[in-house]
Amino acid sequence: MGLHSNAQNFTKDKLFEVTKEVRDSGFKVVAIVSDMGGGNLISFTNPVDVTQKVWVFVDIPHLIKILRNNFLEYGIPLPCGTE
């Protein structure tokens, strides 16, 4: 299975499948990186070990993009009243 899937086809089931494959390879899955789109999760129960959570962190390029978009849309209000 390739990890280079189109984001539109990368479903929750596919994520769980990849998590299981990584675990079966001998690694412990504790976190993933995401673009934090509207439907993405903050954490989810590990499908291999239901006593563990898998945490979701935002990737830096998307974080910078969100910061830029908010700056362009709202500006930065300064104490003197200018933006």
PDB file of N, CA and C in Angstrom:
ATOM      1  N   MET A   1       0.848  -1.177   0.000  1.00  0.00           N
ATOM      2  CA  MET A   1       0.000   0.000   0.000  1.00  0.00           C
ATOM      3  C   MET A   1       0.888   1.233   0.000  1.00  0.00           C
ATOM      4  N   GLY A   2       0.618   2.166  -0.888  1.00  0.00           N
ATOM      5  CA  GLY A   2       1.395   3.391  -0.951  1.00  0.00           C
ATOM      6  C   GLY A   2       0.806   4.463  -0.059  1.00  0.00           C
ATOM      7  N   LEU A   3       1.665   5.273   0.522  1.00  0.00           N
ATOM      8  CA  LEU A   3       1.204   6.362   1.379  1.00  0.00           C
ATOM      9  C   LEU A   3       0.992   7.649   0.596  1.00  0.00           C
ATOM     10  N   HIS A   4       1.179   7.601  -0.717  1.00  0.00           N
ATOM     11  CA  HIS A   4       1.041   8.797  -1.535  1.00  0.00           C
ATOM     12  C   HIS A   4      -0.364   8.884  -2.115  1.00  0.00           C
ATOM     13  N   SER A   5      -1.371   8.725  -1.285  1.00  0.00           N
ATOM     14  CA  SER A   5      -2.754   8.785  -1.731  1.00  0.00           C
ATOM     15  C   SER A   5      -3.194  10.226  -1.920  1.00  0.00           C
ATOM     16  N   ASN A   6      -4.142  10.420  -2.808  1.00  0.00           N
ATOM     17  CA  ASN A   6      -4.769  11.719  -2.977  1.00  0.00           C
ATOM     18  C   ASN A   6      -5.520  12.046  -1.689  1.00  0.00           C
ATOM     19  N   ALA A   7      -5.378  13.256  -1.185  1.00  0.00           N
ATOM     20  CA  ALA A   7      -6.006  13.635   0.090  1.00  0.00           C
ATOM     21  C   ALA A   7      -7.517  13.414   0.058  1.00  0.00           C
ATOM     22  N   GLN A   8      -8.144  13.565  -1.108  1.00  0.00           N
ATOM     23  CA  GLN A   8      -9.582  13.362  -1.199  1.00  0.00           C
ATOM     24  C   GLN A   8      -9.958  11.908  -0.989  1.00  0.00           C
ATOM     25  N   ASN A   9      -9.038  10.998  -1.264  1.00  0.00           N
ATOM     26  CA  ASN A   9      -9.308   9.580  -1.103  1.00  0.00           C
ATOM     27  C   ASN A   9      -8.795   9.035   0.228  1.00  0.00           C
ATOM     28  N   PHE A  10      -8.171   9.876   1.027  1.00  0.00           N
ATOM     29  CA  PHE A  10      -7.590   9.412   2.287  1.00  0.00           C
ATOM     30  C   PHE A  10      -8.648   9.502   3.374  1.00  0.00           C
ATOM     31  N   THR A  11      -9.388   8.428   3.549  1.00  0.00           N
ATOM     32  CA  THR A  11     -10.508   8.382   4.475  1.00  0.00           C
ATOM     33  C   THR A  11     -10.048   7.984   5.876  1.00  0.00           C
ATOM     34  N   LYS A  12     -10.958   8.059   6.801  1.00  0.00           N
ATOM     35  CA  LYS A  12     -10.689   7.615   8.174  1.00  0.00           C
ATOM     36  C   LYS A  12     -10.335   6.130   8.182  1.00  0.00           C
ATOM     37  N   ASP A  13     -11.031   5.341   7.381  1.00  0.00           N
ATOM     38  CA  ASP A  13     -10.730   3.908   7.303  1.00  0.00           C
ATOM     39  C   ASP A  13      -9.318   3.670   6.791  1.00  0.00           C
ATOM     40  N   LYS A  14      -8.904   4.457   5.788  1.00  0.00           N
ATOM     41  CA  LYS A  14      -7.543   4.339   5.245  1.00  0.00           C
ATOM     42  C   LYS A  14      -6.519   4.722   6.310  1.00  0.00           C
ATOM     43  N   LEU A  15      -6.816   5.770   7.090  1.00  0.00           N
ATOM     44  CA  LEU A  15      -5.927   6.181   8.174  1.00  0.00           C
ATOM     45  C   LEU A  15      -5.778   5.057   9.192  1.00  0.00           C
ATOM     46  N   PHE A  16      -6.884   4.424   9.543  1.00  0.00           N
ATOM     47  CA  PHE A  16      -6.828   3.317  10.495  1.00  0.00           C
ATOM     48  C   PHE A  16      -6.036   2.144   9.921  1.00  0.00           C
ATOM     49  N   GLU A  17      -6.193   1.895   8.623  1.00  0.00           N
ATOM     50  CA  GLU A  17      -5.456   0.815   7.968  1.00  0.00           C
ATOM     51  C   GLU A  17      -3.953   1.086   8.020  1.00  0.00           C
ATOM     52  N   VAL A  18      -3.560   2.326   7.710  1.00  0.00           N
ATOM     53  CA  VAL A  18      -2.141   2.700   7.756  1.00  0.00           C
ATOM     54  C   VAL A  18      -1.621   2.594   9.184  1.00  0.00           C
ATOM     55  N   THR A  19      -2.414   3.042  10.160  1.00  0.00           N
ATOM     56  CA  THR A  19      -2.019   2.951  11.565  1.00  0.00           C
ATOM     57  C   THR A  19      -1.753   1.494  11.946  1.00  0.00           C
ATOM     58  N   LYS A  20      -2.624   0.595  11.530  1.00  0.00           N
ATOM     59  CA  LYS A  20      -2.447  -0.836  11.827  1.00  0.00           C
ATOM     60  C   LYS A  20      -1.200  -1.386  11.159  1.00  0.00           C
ATOM     61  N   GLU A  21      -0.946  -0.989   9.908  1.00  0.00           N
ATOM     62  CA  GLU A  21       0.236  -1.477   9.197  1.00  0.00           C
ATOM     63  C   GLU A  21       1.521  -0.989   9.855  1.00  0.00           C
ATOM     64  N   VAL A  22       1.532   0.263  10.282  1.00  0.00           N
ATOM     65  CA  VAL A  22       2.717   0.796  10.971  1.00  0.00           C
ATOM     66  C   VAL A  22       2.934   0.032  12.273  1.00  0.00           C
ATOM     67  N   ARG A  23       1.864  -0.190  13.005  1.00  0.00           N
ATOM     68  CA  ARG A  23       1.959  -0.943  14.268  1.00  0.00           C
ATOM     69  C   ARG A  23       2.436  -2.373  14.016  1.00  0.00           C
ATOM     70  N   ASP A  24       1.909  -3.008  12.962  1.00  0.00           N
ATOM     71  CA  ASP A  24       2.323  -4.375  12.625  1.00  0.00           C
ATOM     72  C   ASP A  24       3.788  -4.443  12.212  1.00  0.00           C
ATOM     73  N   SER A  25       4.350  -3.306  11.782  1.00  0.00           N
ATOM     74  CA  SER A  25       5.766  -3.246  11.411  1.00  0.00           C
ATOM     75  C   SER A  25       6.661  -3.069  12.629  1.00  0.00           C
ATOM     76  N   GLY A  26       6.058  -2.950  13.809  1.00  0.00           N
ATOM     77  CA  GLY A  26       6.841  -2.865  15.036  1.00  0.00           C
ATOM     78  C   GLY A  26       6.949  -1.488  15.646  1.00  0.00           C
ATOM     79  N   PHE A  27       6.238  -0.514  15.101  1.00  0.00           N
ATOM     80  CA  PHE A  27       6.288   0.847  15.632  1.00  0.00           C
ATOM     81  C   PHE A  27       5.036   1.149  16.432  1.00  0.00           C
ATOM     82  N   LYS A  28       5.150   2.077  17.375  1.00  0.00           N
ATOM     83  CA  LYS A  28       4.012   2.536  18.157  1.00  0.00           C
ATOM     84  C   LYS A  28       3.550   3.869  17.573  1.00  0.00           C
ATOM     85  N   VAL A  29       2.292   3.958  17.178  1.00  0.00           N
ATOM     86  CA  VAL A  29       1.744   5.185  16.596  1.00  0.00           C
ATOM     87  C   VAL A  29       1.165   6.033  17.721  1.00  0.00           C
ATOM     88  N   VAL A  30       1.740   7.230  17.937  1.00  0.00           N
ATOM     89  CA  VAL A  30       1.246   8.122  18.983  1.00  0.00           C
ATOM     90  C   VAL A  30       0.755   9.450  18.431  1.00  0.00           C
ATOM     91  N   ALA A  31       1.151   9.785  17.180  1.00  0.00           N
ATOM     92  CA  ALA A  31       0.749  11.063  16.599  1.00  0.00           C
ATOM     93  C   ALA A  31       0.840  10.995  15.078  1.00  0.00           C
ATOM     94  N   ILE A  32       0.059  11.883  14.440  1.00  0.00           N
ATOM     95  CA  ILE A  32       0.132  12.073  12.996  1.00  0.00           C
ATOM     96  C   ILE A  32       0.140  13.569  12.728  1.00  0.00           C
ATOM     97  N   VAL A  33       0.490  13.945  11.502  1.00  0.00           N
ATOM     98  CA  VAL A  33       0.490  15.341  11.090  1.00  0.00           C
ATOM     99  C   VAL A  33      -0.615  15.518  10.062  1.00  0.00           C
ATOM    100  N   SER A  34      -1.347  16.640  10.169  1.00  0.00           N
ATOM    101  CA  SER A  34      -2.490  16.884   9.304  1.00  0.00           C
ATOM    102  C   SER A  34      -2.530  18.346   8.889  1.00  0.00           C
ATOM    103  N   ASP A  35      -3.280  18.640   7.814  1.00  0.00           N
ATOM    104  CA  ASP A  35      -3.462  20.032   7.417  1.00  0.00           C
ATOM    105  C   ASP A  35      -4.559  20.707   8.229  1.00  0.00           C
ATOM    106  N   MET A  36      -5.181  19.982   9.128  1.00  0.00           N
ATOM    107  CA  MET A  36      -6.219  20.467  10.048  1.00  0.00           C
ATOM    108  C   MET A  36      -7.402  21.078   9.318  1.00  0.00           C
ATOM    109  N   GLY A  37      -7.775  20.455   8.184  1.00  0.00           N
ATOM    110  CA  GLY A  37      -8.980  20.868   7.477  1.00  0.00           C
ATOM    111  C   GLY A  37     -10.201  20.663   8.357  1.00  0.00           C
ATOM    112  N   GLY A  38     -11.328  21.202   7.936  1.00  0.00           N
ATOM    113  CA  GLY A  38     -12.544  21.191   8.739  1.00  0.00           C
ATOM    114  C   GLY A  38     -12.967  19.833   9.278  1.00  0.00           C
ATOM    115  N   GLY A  39     -12.764  18.757   8.527  1.00  0.00           N
ATOM    116  CA  GLY A  39     -13.218  17.444   8.972  1.00  0.00           C
ATOM    117  C   GLY A  39     -12.183  16.655   9.742  1.00  0.00           C
ATOM    118  N   ASN A  40     -11.007  17.213   9.970  1.00  0.00           N
ATOM    119  CA  ASN A  40      -9.951  16.463  10.642  1.00  0.00           C
ATOM    120  C   ASN A  40     -10.144  16.475  12.149  1.00  0.00           C
ATOM    121  N   LEU A  41      -9.556  15.487  12.792  1.00  0.00           N
ATOM    122  CA  LEU A  41      -9.718  15.282  14.230  1.00  0.00           C
ATOM    123  C   LEU A  41      -8.552  15.858  15.006  1.00  0.00           C
ATOM    124  N   ILE A  42      -8.761  16.079  16.296  1.00  0.00           N
ATOM    125  CA  ILE A  42      -7.678  16.488  17.187  1.00  0.00           C
ATOM    126  C   ILE A  42      -6.990  15.249  17.746  1.00  0.00           C
ATOM    127  N   SER A  43      -7.763  14.238  18.040  1.00  0.00           N
ATOM    128  CA  SER A  43      -7.218  12.948  18.454  1.00  0.00           C
ATOM    129  C   SER A  43      -8.255  11.885  18.152  1.00  0.00           C
ATOM    130  N   PHE A  44      -7.809  10.635  18.130  1.00  0.00           N
ATOM    131  CA  PHE A  44      -8.734   9.527  17.940  1.00  0.00           C
ATOM    132  C   PHE A  44      -8.189   8.326  18.673  1.00  0.00           C
ATOM    133  N   THR A  45      -9.060   7.370  18.950  1.00  0.00           N
ATOM    134  CA  THR A  45      -8.647   6.160  19.644  1.00  0.00           C
ATOM    135  C   THR A  45      -7.850   5.300  18.672  1.00  0.00           C
ATOM    136  N   ASN A  46      -6.705   4.815  19.127  1.00  0.00           N
ATOM    137  CA  ASN A  46      -5.863   3.970  18.305  1.00  0.00           C
ATOM    138  C   ASN A  46      -6.636   2.696  17.958  1.00  0.00           C
ATOM    139  N   PRO A  47      -6.826   2.389  16.672  1.00  0.00           N
ATOM    140  CA  PRO A  47      -7.607   1.213  16.299  1.00  0.00           C
ATOM    141  C   PRO A  47      -6.939  -0.107  16.674  1.00  0.00           C
ATOM    142  N   VAL A  48      -5.633  -0.077  16.930  1.00  0.00           N
ATOM    143  CA  VAL A  48      -4.920  -1.292  17.308  1.00  0.00           C
ATOM    144  C   VAL A  48      -4.932  -1.485  18.814  1.00  0.00           C
ATOM    145  N   ASP A  49      -4.835  -0.397  19.574  1.00  0.00           N
ATOM    146  CA  ASP A  49      -4.818  -0.446  21.037  1.00  0.00           C
ATOM    147  C   ASP A  49      -5.799   0.607  21.547  1.00  0.00           C
ATOM    148  N   VAL A  50      -7.012   0.189  21.876  1.00  0.00           N
ATOM    149  CA  VAL A  50      -8.076   1.135  22.246  1.00  0.00           C
ATOM    150  C   VAL A  50      -7.797   1.865  23.558  1.00  0.00           C
ATOM    151  N   THR A  51      -6.761   1.480  24.282  1.00  0.00           N
ATOM    152  CA  THR A  51      -6.411   2.200  25.506  1.00  0.00           C
ATOM    153  C   THR A  51      -5.526   3.416  25.216  1.00  0.00           C
ATOM    154  N   GLN A  52      -5.089   3.564  23.970  1.00  0.00           N
ATOM    155  CA  GLN A  52      -4.191   4.653  23.580  1.00  0.00           C
ATOM    156  C   GLN A  52      -4.867   5.597  22.606  1.00  0.00           C
ATOM    157  N   LYS A  53      -4.517   6.872  22.680  1.00  0.00           N
ATOM    158  CA  LYS A  53      -4.981   7.875  21.721  1.00  0.00           C
ATOM    159  C   LYS A  53      -3.876   8.143  20.711  1.00  0.00           C
ATOM    160  N   VAL A  54      -4.277   8.559  19.515  1.00  0.00           N
ATOM    161  CA  VAL A  54      -3.344   9.044  18.509  1.00  0.00           C
ATOM    162  C   VAL A  54      -3.634  10.531  18.363  1.00  0.00           C
ATOM    163  N   TRP A  55      -2.627  11.368  18.597  1.00  0.00           N
ATOM    164  CA  TRP A  55      -2.799  12.816  18.578  1.00  0.00           C
ATOM    165  C   TRP A  55      -2.516  13.352  17.187  1.00  0.00           C
ATOM    166  N   VAL A  56      -3.246  14.380  16.792  1.00  0.00           N
ATOM    167  CA  VAL A  56      -3.119  14.980  15.468  1.00  0.00           C
ATOM    168  C   VAL A  56      -2.536  16.384  15.636  1.00  0.00           C
ATOM    169  N   PHE A  57      -1.428  16.646  14.937  1.00  0.00           N
ATOM    170  CA  PHE A  57      -0.767  17.951  14.998  1.00  0.00           C
ATOM    171  C   PHE A  57      -0.829  18.617  13.626  1.00  0.00           C
ATOM    172  N   VAL A  58      -0.919  19.930  13.616  1.00  0.00           N
ATOM    173  CA  VAL A  58      -0.953  20.692  12.374  1.00  0.00           C
ATOM    174  C   VAL A  58       0.457  20.737  11.773  1.00  0.00           C
ATOM    175  N   ASP A  59       0.519  20.669  10.430  1.00  0.00           N
ATOM    176  CA  ASP A  59       1.825  20.788   9.793  1.00  0.00           C
ATOM    177  C   ASP A  59       2.174  22.274   9.631  1.00  0.00           C
ATOM    178  N   ILE A  60       3.443  22.581   9.702  1.00  0.00           N
ATOM    179  CA  ILE A  60       3.921  23.956   9.730  1.00  0.00           C
ATOM    180  C   ILE A  60       3.536  24.759   8.477  1.00  0.00           C
ATOM    181  N   PRO A  61       3.654  24.223   7.250  1.00  0.00           N
ATOM    182  CA  PRO A  61       3.259  25.043   6.096  1.00  0.00           C
ATOM    183  C   PRO A  61       1.799  25.510   6.159  1.00  0.00           C
ATOM    184  N   HIS A  62       0.897  24.647   6.611  1.00  0.00           N
ATOM    185  CA  HIS A  62      -0.502  25.065   6.718  1.00  0.00           C
ATOM    186  C   HIS A  62      -0.702  26.061   7.852  1.00  0.00           C
ATOM    187  N   LEU A  63       0.050  25.907   8.926  1.00  0.00           N
ATOM    188  CA  LEU A  63      -0.033  26.854  10.030  1.00  0.00           C
ATOM    189  C   LEU A  63       0.398  28.248   9.566  1.00  0.00           C
ATOM    190  N   ILE A  64       1.466  28.319   8.773  1.00  0.00           N
ATOM    191  CA  ILE A  64       1.930  29.602   8.242  1.00  0.00           C
ATOM    192  C   ILE A  64       0.883  30.177   7.281  1.00  0.00           C
ATOM    193  N   LYS A  65       0.287  29.331   6.456  1.00  0.00           N
ATOM    194  CA  LYS A  65      -0.741  29.786   5.520  1.00  0.00           C
ATOM    195  C   LYS A  65      -1.946  30.368   6.261  1.00  0.00           C
ATOM    196  N   ILE A  66      -2.385  29.699   7.327  1.00  0.00           N
ATOM    197  CA  ILE A  66      -3.517  30.192   8.117  1.00  0.00           C
ATOM    198  C   ILE A  66      -3.167  31.535   8.760  1.00  0.00           C
ATOM    199  N   LEU A  67      -1.955  31.650   9.298  1.00  0.00           N
ATOM    200  CA  LEU A  67      -1.502  32.902   9.900  1.00  0.00           C
ATOM    201  C   LEU A  67      -1.494  34.022   8.860  1.00  0.00           C
ATOM    202  N   ARG A  68      -0.954  33.730   7.669  1.00  0.00           N
ATOM    203  CA  ARG A  68      -0.929  34.721   6.593  1.00  0.00           C
ATOM    204  C   ARG A  68      -2.343  35.159   6.200  1.00  0.00           C
ATOM    205  N   ASN A  69      -3.235  34.189   6.022  1.00  0.00           N
ATOM    206  CA  ASN A  69      -4.604  34.513   5.613  1.00  0.00           C
ATOM    207  C   ASN A  69      -5.312  35.379   6.651  1.00  0.00           C
ATOM    208  N   ASN A  70      -5.123  35.070   7.930  1.00  0.00           N
ATOM    209  CA  ASN A  70      -5.739  35.884   8.974  1.00  0.00           C
ATOM    210  C   ASN A  70      -5.133  37.279   9.029  1.00  0.00           C
ATOM    211  N   PHE A  71      -3.822  37.385   8.825  1.00  0.00           N
ATOM    212  CA  PHE A  71      -3.168  38.691   8.808  1.00  0.00           C
ATOM    213  C   PHE A  71      -3.697  39.537   7.650  1.00  0.00           C
ATOM    214  N   LEU A  72      -3.823  38.917   6.463  1.00  0.00           N
ATOM    215  CA  LEU A  72      -4.310  39.658   5.298  1.00  0.00           C
ATOM    216  C   LEU A  72      -5.775  40.062   5.454  1.00  0.00           C
ATOM    217  N   GLU A  73      -6.558  39.210   6.094  1.00  0.00           N
ATOM    218  CA  GLU A  73      -7.988  39.506   6.231  1.00  0.00           C
ATOM    219  C   GLU A  73      -8.286  40.478   7.371  1.00  0.00           C
ATOM    220  N   TYR A  74      -7.607  40.316   8.491  1.00  0.00           N
ATOM    221  CA  TYR A  74      -7.944  41.108   9.689  1.00  0.00           C
ATOM    222  C   TYR A  74      -6.860  42.112  10.080  1.00  0.00           C
ATOM    223  N   GLY A  75      -5.647  41.960   9.561  1.00  0.00           N
ATOM    224  CA  GLY A  75      -4.556  42.841   9.967  1.00  0.00           C
ATOM    225  C   GLY A  75      -4.147  42.573  11.404  1.00  0.00           C
ATOM    226  N   ILE A  76      -3.286  43.408  11.918  1.00  0.00           N
ATOM    227  CA  ILE A  76      -2.863  43.312  13.316  1.00  0.00           C
ATOM    228  C   ILE A  76      -3.187  44.630  13.988  1.00  0.00           C
ATOM    229  N   PRO A  77      -4.228  44.657  14.836  1.00  0.00           N
ATOM    230  CA  PRO A  77      -4.557  45.918  15.502  1.00  0.00           C
ATOM    231  C   PRO A  77      -3.471  46.311  16.507  1.00  0.00           C
ATOM    232  N   LEU A  78      -3.003  47.514  16.405  1.00  0.00           N
ATOM    233  CA  LEU A  78      -1.987  48.031  17.320  1.00  0.00           C
ATOM    234  C   LEU A  78      -2.643  48.858  18.414  1.00  0.00           C
ATOM    235  N   PRO A  79      -1.982  49.028  19.556  1.00  0.00           N
ATOM    236  CA  PRO A  79      -2.562  49.803  20.658  1.00  0.00           C
ATOM    237  C   PRO A  79      -2.932  51.231  20.254  1.00  0.00           C
ATOM    238  N   CYS A  80      -2.244  51.806  19.257  1.00  0.00           N
ATOM    239  CA  CYS A  80      -2.547  53.191  18.857  1.00  0.00           C
ATOM    240  C   CYS A  80      -3.774  53.259  17.933  1.00  0.00           C
ATOM    241  N   GLY A  81      -4.334  52.095  17.566  1.00  0.00           N
ATOM    242  CA  GLY A  81      -5.549  52.086  16.751  1.00  0.00           C
ATOM    243  C   GLY A  81      -5.322  51.780  15.281  1.00  0.00           C
ATOM    244  N   THR A  82      -4.062  51.772  14.835  1.00  0.00           N
ATOM    245  CA  THR A  82      -3.800  51.446  13.426  1.00  0.00           C
ATOM    246  C   THR A  82      -3.684  49.933  13.250  1.00  0.00           C
ATOM    247  N   GLU A  83      -3.833  49.532  12.017  1.00  0.00           N
ATOM    248  CA  GLU A  83      -3.661  48.105  11.674  1.00  0.00           C
ATOM    249  C   GLU A  83      -2.541  47.951  10.691  1.00  0.00           C
TER     250      GLU A  83
END
